[in-house]
Amino acid sequence: MTRIFGLALALSLAALACAPPAEKPQTGSQTNWLTACLSADDCGGLECLCGTCTVACSSDDACADFAGASCAPPSDEASVALCGGAAPAEGLCLPQGPAPVQIAIDTSEQHQPLVGFGASLAYADDAIVARADKAELYDLVFADAGLSVLRLRNRWGDGAAALEPAGEIVAAATQRIGRAPVLFMTSGSPPAELKANASRTCAGDAETCTLRTLPDGSFDYEGFASFWRASLDAYASAGLSPDYVSIQNNPNWLPSSAAPGEGCRFLPEEGTEAVEVAGVMQDVAYPGYREALAAVRASVSSMSTAPRLAAPESTGPRVLGDYALAAGAPSFEAIALHLYGQDPEAIDVAALESVASLAGTLGRPVFQTEMVAEGLETAIFAHHALTRANAEVYLQNDLVALTPERADTALVLLGDDGLDPQGPYYALMHYAKHTAPGFRRVGARSESGELLVSAWLAPDGSALTTVLINPGSEPREAQLTFDALGTELTRTALARTTFDGGERFADVGALSADGRLEVPAHAIVTIARTR
């Protein structure tokens, strides 16, 4: 029987065996089990085997009198380690490790379809296309990892040449994926001429980090909508037609004076909010996200390839409902959120489940479109977004990092000496490599919260991909069982990444006949089953 911690346990027993024998063995009592010994006289009726009081066995029945014991065969690593590296002549009654966590996969229980995984070009598209090794980068993220969604920043207004890098990257992705990637476009801020502070950048200026007003005091929704229509027309002329558009990234967020950045504050609907201005609280009028979204929708509706609108791309799930409900489902085709404010060690499950409930009420899919996190955190966030919020898309914020300081939360570091895939790259690869758009999430139950599990079925039932995550600091054994369809898929391949160790999507063979496998601490494992 495979044991979690078997080797460590046996080594501990071996160390115990080196200690002096018990001073007064209790003859006829089982309290001497596992105490150190020199002979059977020290064991109170038990045998002294490999310097430890126990009994020889050929089945677990022989060990029934010892709580938590089972019969470790001579070849078992615990038996071998206890006996100084040599297999004993018979099995030994030794402590049984923790029972494997039972994982049940049920393909008849079907949830949301998958759109895909990916990342944002953010502000790095120029740097990407300038790389001599860019073809290698495209191979790495699209061909090898299987990413199929790209998030673009609206660069209209920077000149026609500013749109060309995205076009090159999308073409490279299309060639390697075998189909066009899903394109999601967002904007950090409207142009400076549409802002009350006359700048795309904000720095704690709560009263002016928003849309400008017209001479009559009304907000310039029409100008905002015209900006988006002109942007999309320009991208279409450059051969790029986004599938989804978010009119404002993080509409509920105000960049601080300590960390300036692009921003434009909207309330869920037009109104006022009390904010601090020059140390004094005062009511400030803000435009409404609802009104802005309606204006953009009207402006782009006549386009021959009008994008679908995603809303509201709020910073976290708790405020998402306010914006989405104010806007109303008819005005957008997807619910977009970010996971900022979430703790990977204490996920706000209720908040994510409320997003799934809202999506069900509105009849809209959920997209997680931006997150900054390290490797293991990315795996955990992706799991909960997919299984709790029923997200169909998961995007990391940075496809690449240009400096080592930002590397651990990007997919790939563009280093001076070449490309360096980071932890988040492998976290998403575990989901994306053996899935594709159209795969559907199916039932996956873990009897213990110590192991996280999700499973994905191909539309034709020819492939089933299961992803296991161990966020804990100790390894755990899992035992997977599959329903009839899953059992029919007899070819298996296992890949494993240990974020604390050196394994990176390492091939670790096939799943055993009894469905058992070990998931190391801080690790993610993908089990791909095919016919």
Protein backbone atom coordinates (compact mmCIF):
# COMPACT_ATOMS: atom_id res chain seq x y z
CA MET A 1 0.00 0.00 0.00
CA THR A 2 1.33 3.39 -0.95
CA ARG A 3 1.84 5.63 2.08
CA ILE A 4 2.04 9.38 2.40
CA PHE A 5 5.16 10.20 4.35
CA GLY A 6 6.07 6.50 4.43
CA LEU A 7 9.76 7.10 4.04
CA ALA A 8 9.85 9.92 6.57
CA LEU A 9 7.89 7.79 9.03
CA ALA A 10 10.21 4.83 8.60
CA LEU A 11 13.27 6.97 9.09
CA SER A 12 11.76 8.26 12.31
CA LEU A 13 11.17 4.68 13.44
CA ALA A 14 14.72 3.77 12.51
CA ALA A 15 16.02 6.60 14.66
CA LEU A 16 13.84 5.36 17.48
CA ALA A 17 15.30 1.88 17.08
CA CYS A 18 18.75 3.28 17.80
CA ALA A 19 17.65 4.47 21.23
CA PRO A 20 18.24 2.37 24.38
CA PRO A 21 15.64 -0.35 25.02
CA ALA A 22 12.72 0.38 27.30
CA GLU A 23 13.72 -0.01 30.95
CA LYS A 24 10.67 -2.08 31.95
CA PRO A 25 8.91 -3.71 29.02
CA GLN A 26 5.28 -4.49 29.71
CA THR A 27 5.03 -8.21 28.91
CA GLY A 28 1.79 -9.13 27.18
CA SER A 29 0.88 -5.49 26.48
CA GLN A 30 0.70 -3.77 23.10
CA THR A 31 2.10 -0.55 24.55
CA ASN A 32 5.55 -1.71 23.44
CA TRP A 33 4.61 -1.49 19.76
CA LEU A 34 7.20 0.61 17.91
CA THR A 35 9.53 0.97 20.92
CA ALA A 36 13.23 0.30 20.33
CA CYS A 37 14.56 -3.13 21.20
CA LEU A 38 17.60 -5.37 21.26
CA SER A 39 15.68 -8.64 21.48
CA ALA A 40 12.13 -9.98 21.83
CA ASP A 41 12.59 -9.85 25.60
CA ASP A 42 12.30 -6.09 25.34
CA CYS A 43 8.94 -6.26 23.52
CA GLY A 44 6.47 -7.77 25.96
CA GLY A 45 5.26 -10.52 23.65
CA LEU A 46 5.94 -8.76 20.37
CA GLU A 47 8.83 -9.49 18.02
CA CYS A 48 12.00 -7.44 17.78
CA LEU A 49 12.35 -6.82 14.07
CA CYS A 50 14.91 -4.38 12.65
CA GLY A 51 15.44 -2.99 16.16
CA THR A 52 11.75 -2.15 16.67
CA CYS A 53 8.98 -3.94 18.58
CA THR A 54 6.35 -5.05 16.07
CA VAL A 55 5.14 -8.27 14.42
CA ALA A 56 5.64 -9.87 11.06
CA CYS A 57 2.58 -9.96 8.82
CA SER A 58 1.24 -10.96 5.43
CA SER A 59 -2.04 -8.99 5.55
CA ASP A 60 -3.63 -6.08 7.38
CA ASP A 61 -5.61 -8.54 9.53
CA ALA A 62 -2.44 -9.40 11.43
CA CYS A 63 -2.15 -5.76 12.46
CA ALA A 64 -5.74 -5.29 13.63
CA ASP A 65 -4.70 -5.03 17.31
CA PHE A 66 -2.55 -1.98 16.61
CA ALA A 67 -4.46 1.28 16.17
CA GLY A 68 -3.67 2.97 12.88
CA ALA A 69 -1.50 0.10 11.62
CA SER A 70 -1.37 -1.82 8.36
CA CYS A 71 0.85 -4.50 6.93
CA ALA A 72 3.76 -2.90 5.07
CA PRO A 73 5.10 -5.40 2.50
CA PRO A 74 8.84 -6.18 2.52
CA SER A 75 9.34 -3.96 -0.54
CA ASP A 76 7.48 -1.02 0.97
CA GLU A 77 9.70 2.03 1.42
CA ALA A 78 8.76 2.23 5.10
CA SER A 79 9.84 -1.39 5.71
CA VAL A 80 13.08 -0.96 3.77
CA ALA A 81 13.98 2.29 5.53
CA LEU A 82 13.24 0.81 8.97
CA CYS A 83 15.54 -2.10 8.23
CA GLY A 84 18.49 0.04 7.27
CA GLY A 85 17.90 -0.06 3.52
CA ALA A 86 17.40 -3.83 3.20
CA ALA A 87 13.99 -5.41 2.65
CA PRO A 88 12.89 -7.62 5.60
CA ALA A 89 11.97 -11.25 5.02
CA GLU A 90 8.31 -10.56 5.80
CA GLY A 91 5.91 -7.68 5.98
CA LEU A 92 5.84 -5.56 9.15
CA CYS A 93 2.98 -4.00 11.10
CA LEU A 94 3.74 -0.29 10.84
CA PRO A 95 1.71 2.90 11.23
CA GLN A 96 -0.54 3.62 8.29
CA GLY A 97 -0.11 7.07 6.73
CA PRO A 98 -3.04 9.41 6.22
CA ALA A 99 -5.69 7.90 3.97
CA PRO A 100 -5.57 9.30 0.45
CA VAL A 101 -7.92 12.17 -0.32
CA GLN A 102 -10.75 10.77 -2.41
CA ILE A 103 -11.37 12.66 -5.66
CA ALA A 104 -14.48 11.81 -7.68
CA ILE A 105 -14.92 12.96 -11.29
CA ASP A 106 -18.47 12.96 -12.67
CA THR A 107 -18.74 13.92 -16.34
CA SER A 108 -22.55 13.87 -16.22
CA GLU A 109 -22.49 16.97 -13.99
CA GLN A 110 -21.78 19.78 -16.44
CA HIS A 111 -21.14 23.45 -15.80
CA GLN A 112 -19.82 26.40 -17.85
CA PRO A 113 -17.98 26.04 -21.17
CA LEU A 114 -14.42 27.31 -21.40
CA VAL A 115 -13.40 30.30 -23.51
CA GLY A 116 -9.74 30.12 -22.54
CA PHE A 117 -6.71 31.36 -20.63
CA GLY A 118 -4.31 34.16 -21.43
CA ALA A 119 -2.81 37.46 -20.38
CA SER A 120 -2.60 41.16 -21.15
CA LEU A 121 -0.07 42.75 -23.45
CA ALA A 122 -0.39 45.71 -21.06
CA TYR A 123 2.35 48.21 -21.95
CA ALA A 124 4.82 45.71 -23.40
CA ASP A 125 3.67 45.17 -27.01
CA ASP A 126 6.39 47.42 -28.46
CA ALA A 127 9.08 45.65 -26.44
CA ILE A 128 7.78 42.23 -27.49
CA VAL A 129 7.93 42.84 -31.23
CA ALA A 130 11.38 44.42 -30.90
CA ARG A 131 12.87 41.20 -29.46
CA ALA A 132 15.17 39.11 -31.62
CA ASP A 133 13.73 36.00 -29.91
CA LYS A 134 10.07 36.97 -30.31
CA ALA A 135 9.30 33.85 -32.37
CA GLU A 136 10.53 31.76 -29.45
CA LEU A 137 8.26 33.76 -27.13
CA TYR A 138 5.25 33.16 -29.38
CA ASP A 139 6.04 29.44 -29.43
CA LEU A 140 6.36 29.41 -25.66
CA VAL A 141 3.04 31.04 -24.79
CA PHE A 142 0.79 29.96 -27.66
CA ALA A 143 2.13 26.66 -29.01
CA ASP A 144 3.58 25.22 -25.80
CA ALA A 145 1.36 26.61 -23.04
CA GLY A 146 -1.82 26.70 -25.11
CA LEU A 147 -2.91 30.24 -24.23
CA SER A 148 -5.77 31.37 -26.44
CA VAL A 149 -6.97 34.77 -25.13
CA LEU A 150 -5.17 38.11 -25.43
CA ARG A 151 -6.13 41.32 -23.66
CA LEU A 152 -5.25 44.48 -25.56
CA ARG A 153 -4.89 48.03 -24.30
CA ASN A 154 -6.68 50.58 -26.47
CA ARG A 155 -3.81 52.54 -28.05
CA TRP A 156 -5.85 54.54 -30.53
CA GLY A 157 -4.69 58.14 -30.40
CA ASP A 158 -1.01 57.18 -30.24
CA GLY A 159 -0.86 57.06 -34.05
CA ALA A 160 -1.52 54.35 -36.60
CA ALA A 161 1.87 52.74 -35.99
CA ALA A 162 0.92 52.10 -32.36
CA LEU A 163 -1.61 49.49 -33.49
CA GLU A 164 0.89 47.46 -35.51
CA PRO A 165 2.60 45.54 -32.66
CA ALA A 166 -0.70 44.07 -31.49
CA GLY A 167 -1.45 43.04 -35.07
CA GLU A 168 1.85 41.19 -35.33
CA ILE A 169 1.35 39.40 -32.02
CA VAL A 170 -2.20 38.37 -32.90
CA ALA A 171 -1.04 37.03 -36.27
CA ALA A 172 1.69 35.00 -34.56
CA ALA A 173 -0.81 33.63 -32.06
CA THR A 174 -3.22 32.68 -34.83
CA GLN A 175 -0.51 30.77 -36.67
CA ARG A 176 0.48 28.79 -33.60
CA ILE A 177 -2.96 28.14 -32.14
CA GLY A 178 -4.49 27.25 -35.48
CA ARG A 179 -7.29 29.74 -35.01
CA ALA A 180 -7.58 33.40 -34.05
CA PRO A 181 -7.18 34.06 -30.33
CA VAL A 182 -10.10 35.61 -28.49
CA LEU A 183 -9.36 39.33 -28.22
CA PHE A 184 -10.44 41.37 -25.22
CA MET A 185 -9.86 45.12 -25.30
CA THR A 186 -9.92 47.55 -22.41
CA SER A 187 -8.81 51.09 -21.63
CA GLY A 188 -7.15 52.58 -18.60
CA SER A 189 -8.43 56.05 -19.38
CA PRO A 190 -10.15 58.06 -22.10
CA PRO A 191 -7.93 60.56 -23.95
CA ALA A 192 -6.76 63.58 -21.99
CA GLU A 193 -9.18 65.87 -23.82
CA LEU A 194 -12.10 63.87 -22.41
CA LYS A 195 -10.86 64.02 -18.82
CA ALA A 196 -11.71 66.63 -16.20
CA ASN A 197 -8.02 66.77 -15.20
CA ALA A 198 -6.91 67.00 -18.86
CA SER A 199 -4.65 63.98 -18.37
CA ARG A 200 -4.89 60.23 -18.87
CA THR A 201 -3.00 59.85 -15.58
CA CYS A 202 -4.49 60.36 -12.14
CA ALA A 203 -2.67 60.81 -8.84
CA GLY A 204 -5.16 61.00 -6.00
CA ASP A 205 -7.09 63.83 -7.68
CA ALA A 206 -10.49 62.51 -6.66
CA GLU A 207 -12.46 65.51 -7.89
CA THR A 208 -11.05 65.51 -11.43
CA CYS A 209 -10.03 61.90 -12.19
CA THR A 210 -13.16 61.44 -14.20
CA LEU A 211 -14.98 62.33 -17.40
CA ARG A 212 -15.12 66.01 -18.38
CA THR A 213 -18.30 68.03 -18.33
CA LEU A 214 -19.73 70.13 -21.15
CA PRO A 215 -20.56 73.85 -20.79
CA ASP A 216 -24.07 72.97 -19.63
CA GLY A 217 -22.62 70.87 -16.79
CA SER A 218 -23.53 67.48 -18.28
CA PHE A 219 -20.93 64.75 -18.64
CA ASP A 220 -19.57 64.19 -22.13
CA TYR A 221 -20.96 60.70 -22.73
CA GLU A 222 -21.26 61.38 -26.45
CA GLY A 223 -17.59 62.30 -26.71
CA PHE A 224 -16.68 59.18 -24.75
CA ALA A 225 -18.77 57.02 -27.09
CA SER A 226 -17.23 58.67 -30.16
CA PHE A 227 -13.77 57.90 -28.80
CA TRP A 228 -14.64 54.22 -28.61
CA ARG A 229 -16.25 54.13 -32.05
CA ALA A 230 -13.23 55.82 -33.63
CA SER A 231 -10.90 53.44 -31.77
CA LEU A 232 -12.66 50.34 -33.01
CA ASP A 233 -12.87 51.65 -36.56
CA ALA A 234 -9.12 52.26 -36.51
CA TYR A 235 -8.39 48.77 -35.17
CA ALA A 236 -10.71 47.23 -37.77
CA SER A 237 -8.79 49.07 -40.49
CA ALA A 238 -5.61 47.55 -39.05
CA GLY A 239 -7.16 44.08 -39.28
CA LEU A 240 -8.00 43.74 -35.59
CA SER A 241 -11.59 43.34 -34.40
CA PRO A 242 -11.84 42.69 -30.64
CA ASP A 243 -14.34 40.04 -29.64
CA TYR A 244 -15.06 41.80 -26.33
CA VAL A 245 -14.61 45.38 -25.17
CA SER A 246 -14.59 46.84 -21.67
CA ILE A 247 -15.14 50.60 -21.83
CA GLN A 248 -13.18 51.41 -18.65
CA ASN A 249 -10.79 49.29 -16.62
CA ASN A 250 -11.42 49.49 -12.86
CA PRO A 251 -14.13 52.19 -12.99
CA ASN A 252 -14.40 52.11 -9.18
CA TRP A 253 -10.69 52.79 -8.62
CA LEU A 254 -8.70 56.00 -8.13
CA PRO A 255 -4.90 55.87 -8.59
CA SER A 256 -3.16 57.39 -5.58
CA SER A 257 -0.66 60.20 -5.44
CA ALA A 258 1.94 57.66 -4.29
CA ALA A 259 1.30 55.42 -7.32
CA PRO A 260 -0.05 57.51 -10.22
CA GLY A 261 -1.60 55.72 -13.15
CA GLU A 262 -4.27 55.76 -15.79
CA GLY A 263 -7.79 55.95 -14.41
CA CYS A 264 -11.25 57.42 -14.82
CA ARG A 265 -13.76 57.22 -11.99
CA PHE A 266 -17.37 56.28 -12.68
CA LEU A 267 -20.17 55.55 -10.24
CA PRO A 268 -22.58 52.72 -11.09
CA GLU A 269 -24.96 55.47 -12.22
CA GLU A 270 -24.53 59.22 -12.38
CA GLY A 271 -24.57 60.94 -9.00
CA THR A 272 -22.40 62.34 -6.25
CA GLU A 273 -20.06 60.80 -3.73
CA ALA A 274 -18.38 62.25 -0.66
CA VAL A 275 -14.60 62.22 -1.19
CA GLU A 276 -11.64 63.91 0.45
CA VAL A 277 -10.36 66.93 -1.47
CA ALA A 278 -7.43 68.88 0.01
CA GLY A 279 -8.09 67.26 3.37
CA VAL A 280 -11.78 68.17 3.40
CA MET A 281 -14.71 65.88 2.67
CA GLN A 282 -16.98 67.18 -0.04
CA ASP A 283 -19.56 65.89 -2.49
CA VAL A 284 -18.18 65.39 -5.99
CA ALA A 285 -20.31 64.71 -9.05
CA TYR A 286 -19.31 61.66 -11.08
CA PRO A 287 -20.53 60.26 -14.40
CA GLY A 288 -22.47 57.02 -14.44
CA TYR A 289 -21.07 53.77 -15.80
CA ARG A 290 -24.58 52.89 -16.89
CA GLU A 291 -24.92 56.03 -18.97
CA ALA A 292 -21.44 55.70 -20.48
CA LEU A 293 -22.01 52.05 -21.42
CA ALA A 294 -25.36 52.86 -23.05
CA ALA A 295 -23.75 55.64 -25.10
CA VAL A 296 -20.93 53.37 -26.31
CA ARG A 297 -23.37 50.59 -27.16
CA ALA A 298 -25.44 52.94 -29.29
CA SER A 299 -22.32 54.26 -31.02
CA VAL A 300 -20.87 50.86 -31.98
CA SER A 301 -24.12 49.05 -32.77
CA SER A 302 -23.98 50.00 -36.46
CA MET A 303 -20.52 48.52 -36.97
CA SER A 304 -20.35 45.54 -39.33
CA THR A 305 -18.22 43.70 -36.73
CA ALA A 306 -19.50 45.26 -33.52
CA PRO A 307 -17.77 43.81 -30.45
CA ARG A 308 -19.60 42.32 -27.52
CA LEU A 309 -19.41 44.50 -24.42
CA ALA A 310 -18.11 43.22 -21.09
CA ALA A 311 -18.87 45.00 -17.83
CA PRO A 312 -17.77 46.32 -15.43
CA GLU A 313 -14.15 45.12 -14.86
CA SER A 314 -14.35 46.26 -11.26
CA THR A 315 -11.39 45.69 -8.95
CA GLY A 316 -13.13 42.97 -6.96
CA PRO A 317 -16.26 40.87 -6.76
CA ARG A 318 -17.87 42.74 -3.86
CA VAL A 319 -18.59 45.90 -5.90
CA LEU A 320 -19.25 44.15 -9.20
CA GLY A 321 -22.96 43.69 -8.56
CA ASP A 322 -23.56 47.40 -8.03
CA TYR A 323 -22.20 48.23 -11.49
CA ALA A 324 -23.62 45.24 -13.35
CA LEU A 325 -27.13 45.63 -11.96
CA ALA A 326 -27.15 49.37 -12.60
CA ALA A 327 -26.07 48.83 -16.20
CA GLY A 328 -28.59 46.06 -16.81
CA ALA A 329 -27.97 42.83 -18.72
CA PRO A 330 -29.28 44.04 -22.08
CA SER A 331 -26.40 46.51 -22.27
CA PHE A 332 -23.54 43.97 -22.07
CA GLU A 333 -22.75 40.40 -23.09
CA ALA A 334 -20.27 39.30 -20.40
CA ILE A 335 -19.58 40.03 -16.74
CA ALA A 336 -15.92 41.00 -16.25
CA LEU A 337 -14.21 41.12 -12.88
CA HIS A 338 -10.83 41.19 -11.22
CA LEU A 339 -9.82 39.43 -8.01
CA TYR A 340 -7.96 42.21 -6.23
CA GLY A 341 -8.53 42.27 -2.49
CA GLN A 342 -8.73 38.47 -2.31
CA ASP A 343 -6.39 36.52 -0.03
CA PRO A 344 -5.20 33.26 -1.67
CA GLU A 345 -5.01 31.68 1.79
CA ALA A 346 -8.57 32.74 2.69
CA ILE A 347 -10.59 33.14 -0.50
CA ASP A 348 -13.88 34.99 -0.05
CA VAL A 349 -15.90 32.12 -1.45
CA ALA A 350 -19.23 33.80 -0.76
CA ALA A 351 -18.24 36.83 -2.85
CA LEU A 352 -17.24 34.65 -5.80
CA GLU A 353 -20.36 32.55 -5.54
CA SER A 354 -22.41 35.74 -5.55
CA VAL A 355 -20.84 36.56 -8.92
CA ALA A 356 -21.89 33.15 -10.26
CA SER A 357 -25.40 33.73 -8.90
CA LEU A 358 -25.57 37.16 -10.52
CA ALA A 359 -24.36 35.71 -13.81
CA GLY A 360 -27.10 33.10 -13.65
CA THR A 361 -29.72 35.74 -12.93
CA LEU A 362 -28.56 37.97 -15.78
CA GLY A 363 -27.82 35.12 -18.17
CA ARG A 364 -24.28 36.27 -18.85
CA PRO A 365 -20.89 34.45 -18.76
CA VAL A 366 -18.19 35.48 -16.30
CA PHE A 367 -14.69 36.55 -17.40
CA GLN A 368 -11.80 37.10 -14.96
CA THR A 369 -9.81 39.61 -17.01
CA GLU A 370 -6.96 40.88 -14.83
CA MET A 371 -4.98 39.62 -11.86
CA VAL A 372 -1.47 40.09 -10.48
CA ALA A 373 -0.20 37.13 -8.47
CA GLU A 374 2.74 34.75 -8.12
CA GLY A 375 2.75 31.17 -9.38
CA LEU A 376 0.97 29.21 -6.63
CA GLU A 377 -1.35 32.15 -5.98
CA THR A 378 -2.28 32.22 -9.67
CA ALA A 379 -3.16 28.53 -9.54
CA ILE A 380 -5.34 29.08 -6.46
CA PHE A 381 -7.04 32.19 -7.87
CA ALA A 382 -7.73 30.45 -11.17
CA HIS A 383 -9.25 27.46 -9.40
CA HIS A 384 -11.64 29.57 -7.35
CA ALA A 385 -12.56 31.88 -10.22
CA LEU A 386 -13.38 28.84 -12.36
CA THR A 387 -15.19 26.76 -9.76
CA ARG A 388 -16.79 29.39 -7.51
CA ALA A 389 -17.53 32.25 -9.90
CA ASN A 390 -17.97 29.90 -12.88
CA ALA A 391 -15.55 32.01 -14.94
CA GLU A 392 -15.06 31.03 -18.57
CA VAL A 393 -11.90 33.14 -18.98
CA TYR A 394 -8.89 33.63 -16.71
CA LEU A 395 -6.30 36.27 -17.63
CA GLN A 396 -3.07 37.23 -15.90
CA ASN A 397 -2.28 40.92 -16.04
CA ASP A 398 1.20 40.72 -17.56
CA LEU A 399 2.07 38.43 -20.43
CA VAL A 400 5.69 39.53 -20.03
CA ALA A 401 7.86 41.40 -17.56
CA LEU A 402 10.54 43.79 -18.78
CA THR A 403 12.46 43.90 -15.48
CA PRO A 404 13.30 41.25 -12.84
CA GLU A 405 11.48 43.31 -10.20
CA ARG A 406 8.12 42.48 -11.82
CA ALA A 407 8.99 39.01 -13.04
CA ASP A 408 7.37 36.80 -10.41
CA THR A 409 3.84 37.95 -11.31
CA ALA A 410 4.28 37.86 -15.10
CA LEU A 411 4.18 34.83 -17.36
CA VAL A 412 7.59 35.34 -18.98
CA LEU A 413 10.54 37.56 -18.12
CA LEU A 414 12.14 39.14 -21.17
CA GLY A 415 15.67 38.88 -19.85
CA ASP A 416 18.95 40.10 -21.29
CA ASP A 417 20.02 36.48 -21.73
CA GLY A 418 16.74 35.18 -23.13
CA LEU A 419 13.24 34.19 -22.09
CA ASP A 420 12.54 33.02 -18.56
CA PRO A 421 9.07 31.48 -17.92
CA GLN A 422 7.80 32.31 -14.44
CA GLY A 423 5.52 30.59 -11.95
CA PRO A 424 2.26 32.07 -13.34
CA TYR A 425 3.19 30.73 -16.79
CA TYR A 426 3.21 27.17 -15.47
CA ALA A 427 0.11 27.71 -13.34
CA LEU A 428 -1.93 28.66 -16.41
CA MET A 429 -0.21 26.05 -18.58
CA HIS A 430 -1.58 23.34 -16.29
CA TYR A 431 -5.08 24.50 -17.24
CA ALA A 432 -4.54 25.54 -20.85
CA LYS A 433 -2.21 22.89 -22.28
CA HIS A 434 -4.78 20.09 -22.31
CA THR A 435 -7.98 22.11 -22.73
CA ALA A 436 -9.37 24.27 -25.52
CA PRO A 437 -12.29 26.64 -26.07
CA GLY A 438 -15.47 24.63 -25.80
CA PHE A 439 -14.26 22.22 -23.11
CA ARG A 440 -16.85 22.14 -20.34
CA ARG A 441 -16.25 22.04 -16.60
CA VAL A 442 -17.64 18.85 -15.09
CA GLY A 443 -18.22 17.55 -11.61
CA ALA A 444 -15.08 17.19 -9.51
CA ARG A 445 -15.35 16.55 -5.78
CA SER A 446 -12.54 16.50 -3.24
CA GLU A 447 -13.37 15.10 0.18
CA SER A 448 -10.81 17.46 1.68
CA GLY A 449 -10.23 21.17 1.26
CA GLU A 450 -6.53 20.37 1.41
CA LEU A 451 -6.67 19.45 -2.29
CA LEU A 452 -8.41 21.64 -4.86
CA VAL A 453 -9.75 19.98 -8.01
CA SER A 454 -11.46 20.91 -11.26
CA ALA A 455 -12.10 18.83 -14.37
CA TRP A 456 -12.76 19.67 -18.01
CA LEU A 457 -14.36 17.52 -20.73
CA ALA A 458 -13.89 17.89 -24.50
CA PRO A 459 -17.12 18.57 -26.44
CA ASP A 460 -16.96 15.15 -28.12
CA GLY A 461 -16.01 13.34 -24.91
CA SER A 462 -12.61 12.32 -26.29
CA ALA A 463 -10.51 14.05 -23.60
CA LEU A 464 -10.85 14.72 -19.89
CA THR A 465 -8.42 17.01 -18.08
CA THR A 466 -8.25 17.12 -14.28
CA VAL A 467 -6.27 19.75 -12.39
CA LEU A 468 -5.24 19.16 -8.76
CA ILE A 469 -3.70 21.84 -6.52
CA ASN A 470 -2.12 21.33 -3.12
CA PRO A 471 -1.86 24.79 -1.53
CA GLY A 472 -0.62 23.31 1.74
CA SER A 473 2.88 22.94 3.12
CA GLU A 474 2.75 19.12 3.34
CA PRO A 475 2.41 16.57 0.50
CA ARG A 476 -0.90 14.76 0.15
CA GLU A 477 -1.89 11.55 -1.55
CA ALA A 478 -4.98 11.55 -3.75
CA GLN A 479 -7.01 8.72 -5.18
CA LEU A 480 -9.09 9.54 -8.24
CA THR A 481 -12.20 7.69 -9.35
CA PHE A 482 -13.92 8.31 -12.66
CA ASP A 483 -17.41 7.61 -13.94
CA ALA A 484 -18.02 5.35 -16.94
CA LEU A 485 -17.02 7.93 -19.55
CA GLY A 486 -13.86 8.90 -17.71
CA THR A 487 -12.93 5.24 -17.29
CA GLU A 488 -13.22 4.72 -21.06
CA LEU A 489 -10.41 7.24 -21.56
CA THR A 490 -7.57 4.86 -20.82
CA ARG A 491 -4.53 6.84 -21.96
CA THR A 492 -3.25 9.12 -19.22
CA ALA A 493 -0.43 11.60 -18.87
CA LEU A 494 0.61 13.42 -15.70
CA ALA A 495 2.41 16.76 -15.53
CA ARG A 496 3.52 18.37 -12.28
CA THR A 497 4.88 21.72 -11.12
CA THR A 498 6.25 22.17 -7.61
CA PHE A 499 6.45 25.89 -7.00
CA ASP A 500 8.90 25.41 -4.11
CA GLY A 501 11.06 22.97 -6.07
CA GLY A 502 12.57 22.48 -9.49
CA GLU A 503 9.77 20.68 -11.33
CA ARG A 504 8.13 22.76 -14.06
CA PHE A 505 5.35 20.99 -15.94
CA ALA A 506 7.41 17.84 -15.52
CA ASP A 507 6.24 14.59 -17.12
CA VAL A 508 5.67 12.21 -14.21
CA GLY A 509 4.29 9.26 -16.15
CA ALA A 510 0.80 7.79 -16.21
CA LEU A 511 -1.85 7.51 -13.53
CA SER A 512 -1.63 4.24 -11.61
CA ALA A 513 -4.28 1.56 -12.10
CA ASP A 514 -5.83 2.35 -8.71
CA GLY A 515 -5.90 6.10 -9.44
CA ARG A 516 -3.40 7.06 -6.74
CA LEU A 517 -0.86 9.84 -7.00
CA GLU A 518 1.06 12.10 -4.69
CA VAL A 519 0.63 15.86 -4.89
CA PRO A 520 3.67 17.56 -3.33
CA ALA A 521 3.34 20.62 -1.12
CA HIS A 522 2.67 23.87 -3.00
CA ALA A 523 2.18 22.01 -6.26
CA ILE A 524 -0.21 21.65 -9.18
CA VAL A 525 -0.78 18.45 -11.15
CA THR A 526 -2.63 17.92 -14.43
CA ILE A 527 -4.01 14.51 -15.35
CA ALA A 528 -4.89 14.36 -19.06
CA ARG A 529 -6.98 11.36 -20.14
CA THR A 530 -7.65 10.51 -23.79
CA ARG A 531 -8.82 7.50 -25.79
